[in-house]
Amino acid sequence: MTMANIITTFAGAFIFPFLIRLCWGKMCDTWGAIGGWMAAGFIVGTTWTLTHGVGFIVQSGGAWIDMAWAAGAGLFVASAMSGDNVSKGFVNVIMALVGGTIGGFILSCL
């Protein structure tokens, strides 16, 4: 993996939780439940296109990276830095890692 690949992978992994933290709650507050569906489509769809479609995240060899890992880790760090309760967020990180692992395993089977 080259240095350029490492930088774009970290940039792609940063964009997803950043957009979730920045936009998702505001869209839900403004438009209610439909705002959550719109956020899911716009944020997840756009970020997936950037990371996997354009190639920000580079998957070398047999390794795979799932966006749930980036979202879980990024949102946990953002919450910890803003002074939120870290022990409550740790459960969410574990669930994101489990979900990312299961999602990646299923995709690797296809």
Protein backbone atom coordinates (compact mmCIF):
# COMPACT_ATOMS: atom_id res chain seq x y z
CA MET A 1 0.00 0.00 0.00
CA THR A 2 1.49 3.31 -1.05
CA MET A 3 1.47 6.51 1.00
CA ALA A 4 -1.12 8.02 -1.35
CA ASN A 5 -3.39 5.01 -0.74
CA ILE A 6 -2.98 5.36 3.02
CA ILE A 7 -3.85 9.07 2.91
CA THR A 8 -6.94 8.58 0.72
CA THR A 9 -8.12 5.68 2.90
CA PHE A 10 -7.90 7.83 6.03
CA ALA A 11 -9.59 10.74 4.22
CA GLY A 12 -12.43 8.50 3.07
CA ALA A 13 -12.79 7.04 6.56
CA PHE A 14 -12.93 10.58 8.00
CA ILE A 15 -15.57 11.91 5.60
CA PHE A 16 -18.28 9.42 6.57
CA PRO A 17 -18.50 10.02 10.35
CA PHE A 18 -17.89 13.73 9.79
CA LEU A 19 -20.96 14.00 7.56
CA ILE A 20 -23.02 11.86 9.92
CA ARG A 21 -22.15 14.06 12.89
CA LEU A 22 -22.62 17.26 10.89
CA CYS A 23 -25.82 16.57 8.94
CA TRP A 24 -27.83 13.55 10.09
CA GLY A 25 -29.28 14.97 13.32
CA LYS A 26 -30.10 18.30 11.69
CA MET A 27 -31.95 16.57 8.85
CA CYS A 28 -33.95 14.47 11.36
CA ASP A 29 -34.77 17.56 13.44
CA THR A 30 -35.87 19.54 10.39
CA TRP A 31 -37.81 16.90 8.42
CA GLY A 32 -38.58 14.22 11.01
CA ALA A 33 -38.47 10.57 10.04
CA ILE A 34 -38.23 11.29 6.32
CA GLY A 35 -35.15 13.38 7.11
CA GLY A 36 -33.51 10.28 8.55
CA TRP A 37 -34.25 8.34 5.38
CA MET A 38 -32.95 11.22 3.26
CA ALA A 39 -29.82 11.44 5.39
CA ALA A 40 -29.28 7.71 4.99
CA GLY A 41 -29.58 7.99 1.24
CA PHE A 42 -27.54 11.14 0.76
CA ILE A 43 -24.83 10.67 3.37
CA VAL A 44 -24.30 6.94 3.04
CA GLY A 45 -24.80 6.93 -0.73
CA THR A 46 -22.49 9.86 -1.41
CA THR A 47 -19.81 8.59 0.95
CA TRP A 48 -20.00 5.06 -0.44
CA THR A 49 -19.60 6.45 -3.96
CA LEU A 50 -16.54 8.45 -2.89
CA THR A 51 -14.88 5.70 -0.91
CA HIS A 52 -15.64 2.61 -2.96
CA GLY A 53 -16.71 3.98 -6.33
CA VAL A 54 -14.08 6.69 -6.80
CA GLY A 55 -11.53 4.71 -4.80
CA PHE A 56 -10.72 6.77 -1.69
CA ILE A 57 -10.52 3.55 0.30
CA VAL A 58 -8.02 1.16 -1.20
CA GLN A 59 -8.53 -2.50 -0.46
CA SER A 60 -5.28 -4.27 -1.15
CA GLY A 61 -4.92 -8.00 -1.28
CA GLY A 62 -7.61 -10.00 0.45
CA ALA A 63 -8.42 -7.40 3.12
CA TRP A 64 -11.74 -5.60 3.16
CA ILE A 65 -12.85 -2.44 4.92
CA ASP A 66 -16.44 -1.70 5.80
CA MET A 67 -17.86 1.79 6.29
CA ALA A 68 -19.41 0.76 9.63
CA TRP A 69 -15.94 0.57 11.14
CA ALA A 70 -15.18 4.12 10.03
CA ALA A 71 -18.54 5.40 11.30
CA GLY A 72 -18.27 3.63 14.66
CA ALA A 73 -14.69 4.67 15.36
CA GLY A 74 -15.10 8.21 14.05
CA LEU A 75 -18.29 8.94 15.96
CA PHE A 76 -16.82 7.43 19.13
CA VAL A 77 -13.75 9.66 18.92
CA ALA A 78 -15.89 12.72 18.16
CA SER A 79 -18.11 11.99 21.15
CA ALA A 80 -15.13 11.41 23.43
CA MET A 81 -13.55 14.68 22.32
CA SER A 82 -16.76 16.63 22.91
CA GLY A 83 -17.02 15.35 26.48
CA ASP A 84 -19.81 12.80 26.10
CA ASN A 85 -20.04 9.67 28.23
CA VAL A 86 -17.40 7.34 26.76
CA SER A 87 -18.64 4.20 28.54
CA LYS A 88 -22.04 4.45 26.83
CA GLY A 89 -20.40 4.98 23.45
CA PHE A 90 -18.10 1.98 23.86
CA VAL A 91 -21.05 -0.39 23.38
CA ASN A 92 -21.83 1.36 20.08
CA VAL A 93 -18.22 0.94 18.93
CA ILE A 94 -18.36 -2.78 19.67
CA MET A 95 -21.65 -3.10 17.77
CA ALA A 96 -20.22 -1.13 14.81
CA LEU A 97 -17.20 -3.45 14.73
CA VAL A 98 -19.44 -6.52 14.85
CA GLY A 99 -21.72 -5.10 12.15
CA GLY A 100 -18.78 -4.12 9.98
CA THR A 101 -17.24 -7.55 10.36
CA ILE A 102 -20.48 -9.32 9.47
CA GLY A 103 -21.11 -6.97 6.52
CA GLY A 104 -17.58 -7.41 5.21
CA PHE A 105 -17.75 -11.18 5.63
CA ILE A 106 -21.02 -11.38 3.72
CA LEU A 107 -19.60 -9.25 0.91
CA SER A 108 -16.45 -11.35 0.76
CA CYS A 109 -18.62 -14.46 0.34
CA LEU A 110 -20.34 -12.98 -2.71
